[in-house]
Amino acid sequence: PGGQIINTNEIANYTGFGTINGAELAIKMFEHSQEVGAEFDYKTVTAIIDEGDVKKVVCLEDDTVYEASAVIIATGTRPRRLHIPGEDAHAGAGISWCAICDGAQYRGKDVVVIGGGNSAVEESIYLAGIVNHLTIVTMFDLTADPIACDKLRAMPNVTIYPYQDVLEFLGSDKLEGVRFKSTKEDATERTVTCDGVFEYIGLEPTASFCADLGILDRTGCIVTDAAMATSRPGIFAAGDIIVKGLRQVATACGDGAVAANSASKYVEKLRG
């Protein structure tokens, strides 16, 4: 259970827990849901069909269709990819998007992190504590929290290459390295050998399955009002998938509370 939080080693912004591992927080949330009797199913949603008072949620597996009076979409985001040569060939086998999930297998080895935002820097600090050498390649400079950036720069086994354009992942049978080029005038090209790569270059919404509903903005996020209602009566959304300014666990939970309350009121009104 859990979306982006399971990819995060430490979460420090969730009230009441201080600092907690993301996967641990996800499990606690799941256990809480079980205590109050929520039913879980694990399927891939391919479409939501709006038939007025009835919404049909169509799933890939066995063509399962769920019918409901209201639907809350909380599908969040997924890691963005570079879409360069070698990425598909090594995805999941040399290239990862979750340091806390896959970092341990690179203990004592050489690793490259691509990206310089908060997630990249936070996970780089974690990785630098277990790998032999960590190389960070980023399109700009480090843009994360200054304290975290300073901590990362001070680690003795870390090399940072800012203002770089990643060109290719090298290796046929297994990942062998990363080739990148400076975006400065000299356009210097470098190749760094490594055993693994972690990409942290941003996130993209996972709402393509409801594109036909007309509830998405140009970025693919779901547009809602303050009640988490979309332009389709009975369809609500919450969390990172919606158009919003701040994407944190705390704000996602707040969205969920509002969406649940709004959906409940909608169903009560529908039933008279």
Protein backbone atom coordinates (compact mmCIF):
# COMPACT_ATOMS: atom_id res chain seq x y z
CA PRO A 1 0.00 0.00 0.00
CA GLY A 2 1.00 3.57 -0.55
CA GLY A 3 1.90 5.80 -3.47
CA GLN A 4 4.89 8.12 -3.60
CA ILE A 5 5.47 7.88 0.16
CA ILE A 6 6.85 4.35 -0.17
CA ASN A 7 9.65 5.82 -2.31
CA THR A 8 10.71 8.17 0.48
CA ASN A 9 13.18 7.16 3.16
CA GLU A 10 12.18 9.86 5.65
CA ILE A 11 9.00 11.93 5.93
CA ALA A 12 9.35 14.84 8.31
CA ASN A 13 6.21 16.86 7.59
CA TYR A 14 3.44 14.60 8.87
CA THR A 15 1.94 15.84 12.11
CA GLY A 16 2.27 13.53 15.11
CA PHE A 17 5.03 11.30 13.81
CA GLY A 18 8.11 13.53 13.79
CA THR A 19 10.27 11.71 11.26
CA ILE A 20 9.00 8.40 9.89
CA ASN A 21 9.92 6.06 7.07
CA GLY A 22 7.51 6.46 4.14
CA ALA A 23 6.73 2.75 3.76
CA GLU A 24 6.09 2.46 7.50
CA LEU A 25 3.62 5.35 7.37
CA ALA A 26 1.86 3.71 4.40
CA ILE A 27 1.44 0.45 6.32
CA LYS A 28 0.09 2.31 9.36
CA MET A 29 -2.48 4.03 7.13
CA PHE A 30 -3.45 0.70 5.56
CA GLU A 31 -3.85 -0.97 8.96
CA HIS A 32 -6.03 1.93 10.12
CA SER A 33 -8.27 1.49 7.07
CA GLN A 34 -8.66 -2.19 7.91
CA GLU A 35 -9.67 -1.39 11.49
CA VAL A 36 -12.63 0.64 10.20
CA GLY A 37 -13.67 -2.01 7.70
CA ALA A 38 -12.58 -0.58 4.34
CA GLU A 39 -12.49 -3.20 1.58
CA PHE A 40 -9.39 -3.32 -0.63
CA ASP A 41 -8.94 -4.68 -4.12
CA TYR A 42 -5.93 -4.44 -6.40
CA LYS A 43 -6.67 -3.88 -10.06
CA THR A 44 -5.70 -1.59 -12.93
CA VAL A 45 -8.44 0.91 -13.78
CA THR A 46 -8.75 1.53 -17.52
CA ALA A 47 -11.79 3.83 -17.59
CA ILE A 48 -14.50 5.52 -15.56
CA ILE A 49 -17.85 5.68 -17.33
CA ASP A 50 -20.25 8.36 -16.11
CA GLU A 51 -23.87 7.26 -16.57
CA GLY A 52 -25.40 9.96 -14.41
CA ASP A 53 -26.46 8.48 -11.09
CA VAL A 54 -24.29 5.41 -11.74
CA LYS A 55 -20.54 5.47 -12.26
CA LYS A 56 -18.81 2.43 -13.73
CA VAL A 57 -15.17 1.77 -12.89
CA VAL A 58 -13.73 -0.51 -15.55
CA CYS A 59 -10.67 -2.61 -14.68
CA LEU A 60 -8.17 -4.41 -16.86
CA GLU A 61 -8.18 -7.65 -14.93
CA ASP A 62 -11.01 -9.98 -16.02
CA ASP A 63 -12.92 -6.97 -17.36
CA THR A 64 -14.18 -6.31 -13.83
CA VAL A 65 -16.65 -3.42 -13.56
CA TYR A 66 -17.53 -1.76 -10.26
CA GLU A 67 -20.72 0.30 -10.05
CA ALA A 68 -21.08 3.14 -7.56
CA SER A 69 -23.01 6.31 -6.91
CA ALA A 70 -19.81 8.27 -6.35
CA VAL A 71 -16.12 7.84 -7.10
CA ILE A 72 -13.07 9.45 -5.49
CA ILE A 73 -9.95 9.40 -7.67
CA ALA A 74 -6.73 9.47 -5.65
CA THR A 75 -4.25 7.87 -8.04
CA GLY A 76 -1.42 10.32 -7.39
CA THR A 77 1.63 10.58 -9.60
CA ARG A 78 4.39 8.37 -10.97
CA PRO A 79 8.07 9.10 -11.58
CA ARG A 80 8.86 10.93 -14.80
CA ARG A 81 11.27 9.25 -17.22
CA LEU A 82 14.01 10.64 -19.44
CA HIS A 83 13.03 8.63 -22.56
CA ILE A 84 16.61 8.28 -23.79
CA PRO A 85 18.51 5.31 -25.28
CA GLY A 86 19.10 2.48 -22.82
CA GLU A 87 16.42 3.51 -20.33
CA ASP A 88 13.80 0.95 -21.27
CA ALA A 89 16.40 -1.81 -21.55
CA HIS A 90 17.63 -1.29 -18.00
CA ALA A 91 14.44 -0.12 -16.26
CA GLY A 92 14.00 -2.18 -13.11
CA ALA A 93 17.36 -3.88 -13.69
CA GLY A 94 19.95 -1.19 -13.10
CA ILE A 95 17.69 1.85 -13.29
CA SER A 96 15.33 2.50 -10.39
CA TRP A 97 13.05 5.24 -9.12
CA CYS A 98 13.05 4.19 -5.45
CA ALA A 99 16.22 4.39 -3.37
CA ILE A 100 14.60 3.03 -0.23
CA CYS A 101 13.26 0.05 -2.21
CA ASP A 102 16.37 -0.85 -4.19
CA GLY A 103 19.27 1.00 -2.59
CA ALA A 104 20.45 -1.91 -0.43
CA GLN A 105 21.48 -4.00 -3.45
CA TYR A 106 24.06 -1.35 -4.32
CA ARG A 107 25.82 -1.40 -0.96
CA GLY A 108 29.53 -0.81 -1.56
CA LYS A 109 29.01 -0.15 -5.28
CA ASP A 110 29.04 2.92 -7.51
CA VAL A 111 25.73 4.67 -8.15
CA VAL A 112 24.47 7.64 -10.17
CA VAL A 113 21.51 9.81 -9.15
CA ILE A 114 19.89 11.94 -11.83
CA GLY A 115 18.15 15.06 -10.53
CA GLY A 116 18.73 17.86 -8.06
CA GLY A 117 15.40 18.58 -6.37
CA ASN A 118 14.23 17.65 -2.87
CA SER A 119 13.66 13.96 -3.59
CA ALA A 120 16.97 13.62 -5.43
CA VAL A 121 18.97 15.25 -2.65
CA GLU A 122 17.21 13.48 0.23
CA GLU A 123 17.58 10.06 -1.37
CA SER A 124 21.18 10.85 -2.37
CA ILE A 125 22.05 11.47 1.28
CA TYR A 126 20.58 8.08 2.12
CA LEU A 127 22.42 6.34 -0.74
CA ALA A 128 25.75 8.03 0.00
CA GLY A 129 25.66 6.37 3.41
CA ILE A 130 25.69 2.86 1.91
CA VAL A 131 27.34 3.00 -1.54
CA ASN A 132 31.02 3.23 -2.45
CA HIS A 133 30.71 6.36 -4.55
CA LEU A 134 27.73 8.47 -5.56
CA THR A 135 27.64 10.67 -8.65
CA ILE A 136 24.86 13.22 -9.06
CA VAL A 137 23.99 14.49 -12.53
CA THR A 138 21.45 17.29 -12.76
CA MET A 139 20.17 19.58 -15.49
CA PHE A 140 20.49 22.61 -13.24
CA ASP A 141 22.22 23.02 -9.88
CA LEU A 142 20.92 21.46 -6.67
CA THR A 143 17.56 23.12 -5.96
CA ALA A 144 16.55 21.31 -2.77
CA ASP A 145 16.48 22.67 0.77
CA PRO A 146 19.82 24.51 1.30
CA ILE A 147 20.62 22.62 4.51
CA ALA A 148 20.14 19.28 2.78
CA CYS A 149 22.23 20.45 -0.19
CA ASP A 150 25.07 21.50 2.10
CA LYS A 151 24.94 18.15 3.88
CA LEU A 152 25.15 16.29 0.59
CA ARG A 153 28.01 18.41 -0.75
CA ALA A 154 29.99 17.76 2.43
CA MET A 155 29.84 13.96 2.06
CA PRO A 156 33.28 12.67 1.00
CA ASN A 157 32.09 10.04 -1.49
CA VAL A 158 29.84 12.35 -3.54
CA THR A 159 30.60 14.02 -6.88
CA ILE A 160 28.13 16.50 -8.36
CA TYR A 161 27.86 17.46 -12.03
CA PRO A 162 25.41 20.39 -12.40
CA TYR A 163 24.07 21.74 -15.69
CA GLN A 164 24.22 18.47 -17.57
CA ASP A 165 22.07 16.85 -20.24
CA VAL A 166 21.86 13.05 -19.86
CA LEU A 167 22.30 11.43 -23.27
CA GLU A 168 22.37 7.65 -22.85
CA PHE A 169 22.51 4.70 -20.47
CA LEU A 170 25.32 2.35 -21.45
CA GLY A 171 25.54 -1.42 -21.38
CA SER A 172 23.98 -4.32 -23.24
CA ASP A 173 23.46 -7.25 -20.86
CA LYS A 174 23.63 -5.02 -17.80
CA LEU A 175 23.90 -1.32 -16.98
CA GLU A 176 27.48 -0.15 -17.22
CA GLY A 177 27.35 3.63 -17.10
CA VAL A 178 25.81 6.97 -18.00
CA ARG A 179 26.84 9.37 -20.76
CA PHE A 180 26.04 13.07 -20.35
CA LYS A 181 27.03 16.44 -21.76
CA SER A 182 27.45 19.89 -20.25
CA THR A 183 24.82 22.46 -21.17
CA LYS A 184 27.45 25.20 -20.85
CA GLU A 185 29.34 26.63 -23.81
CA ASP A 186 32.13 24.06 -23.66
CA ALA A 187 29.58 21.20 -24.08
CA THR A 188 32.02 18.79 -22.41
CA GLU A 189 30.89 15.18 -22.68
CA ARG A 190 31.55 12.67 -19.89
CA THR A 191 30.89 9.01 -19.18
CA VAL A 192 30.59 7.72 -15.63
CA THR A 193 30.71 3.98 -15.01
CA CYS A 194 28.27 2.71 -12.41
CA ASP A 195 26.37 -0.30 -11.13
CA GLY A 196 23.03 1.44 -10.71
CA VAL A 197 21.08 4.61 -11.50
CA PHE A 198 18.27 6.32 -9.61
CA GLU A 199 16.16 8.84 -11.50
CA TYR A 200 14.52 11.74 -9.64
CA ILE A 201 13.48 14.18 -12.35
CA GLY A 202 9.94 14.94 -11.29
CA LEU A 203 6.53 13.32 -11.38
CA GLU A 204 3.66 12.99 -13.83
CA PRO A 205 -0.04 12.47 -13.04
CA THR A 206 -1.67 9.05 -13.41
CA ALA A 207 -5.12 10.03 -14.65
CA SER A 208 -5.04 9.07 -18.33
CA PHE A 209 -7.79 6.51 -17.70
CA CYS A 210 -10.28 9.32 -17.13
CA ALA A 211 -9.20 11.56 -20.02
CA ASP A 212 -12.58 11.10 -21.74
CA LEU A 213 -14.39 12.67 -18.78
CA GLY A 214 -13.10 16.16 -19.54
CA ILE A 215 -11.88 16.77 -15.98
CA LEU A 216 -8.15 17.14 -16.66
CA ASP A 217 -6.11 20.28 -17.19
CA ARG A 218 -3.39 20.57 -19.85
CA THR A 219 -0.82 18.91 -17.54
CA GLY A 220 -3.01 15.85 -16.99
CA CYS A 221 -4.02 16.70 -13.41
CA ILE A 222 -7.65 16.65 -12.29
CA VAL A 223 -9.40 19.98 -11.78
CA THR A 224 -11.52 20.21 -8.61
CA ASP A 225 -13.23 22.88 -6.55
CA ALA A 226 -12.73 23.46 -2.81
CA ALA A 227 -15.03 20.49 -2.08
CA MET A 228 -12.79 18.22 -4.18
CA ALA A 229 -15.64 17.91 -6.72
CA THR A 230 -14.88 17.71 -10.43
CA SER A 231 -17.09 19.10 -13.18
CA ARG A 232 -18.76 15.67 -13.27
CA PRO A 233 -21.34 15.34 -10.45
CA GLY A 234 -20.47 12.39 -8.25
CA ILE A 235 -16.83 12.24 -9.30
CA PHE A 236 -14.34 13.63 -6.81
CA ALA A 237 -10.54 13.64 -6.59
CA ALA A 238 -7.93 14.11 -3.88
CA GLY A 239 -4.19 14.21 -3.30
CA ASP A 240 -1.32 14.66 -5.73
CA ILE A 241 -3.51 13.93 -8.76
CA ILE A 242 -5.41 17.21 -8.46
CA VAL A 243 -4.35 20.71 -9.55
CA LYS A 244 -2.79 22.21 -6.42
CA GLY A 245 0.15 24.21 -5.16
CA LEU A 246 1.56 21.97 -2.42
CA ARG A 247 1.95 18.20 -2.69
CA GLN A 248 2.68 16.70 0.71
CA VAL A 249 1.31 13.81 2.76
CA ALA A 250 -0.43 16.27 5.06
CA THR A 251 -2.19 18.11 2.23
CA ALA A 252 -3.19 14.84 0.53
CA CYS A 253 -4.82 13.63 3.75
CA GLY A 254 -6.68 16.92 4.03
CA ASP A 255 -7.91 16.56 0.46
CA GLY A 256 -9.05 13.02 1.25
CA ALA A 257 -11.07 14.13 4.26
CA VAL A 258 -12.82 16.82 2.23
CA ALA A 259 -13.47 14.45 -0.70
CA ALA A 260 -14.90 11.74 1.56
CA ASN A 261 -17.23 14.22 3.23
CA SER A 262 -18.34 15.66 -0.12
CA ALA A 263 -18.93 12.22 -1.63
CA SER A 264 -20.93 11.15 1.41
CA LYS A 265 -23.17 14.21 1.17
CA TYR A 266 -23.60 13.63 -2.57
CA VAL A 267 -24.75 10.03 -2.06
CA GLU A 268 -27.11 11.02 0.77
CA LYS A 269 -28.69 13.69 -1.46
CA LEU A 270 -28.92 11.22 -4.35
CA ARG A 271 -30.78 8.72 -2.23
CA GLY A 272 -33.15 11.34 -0.88
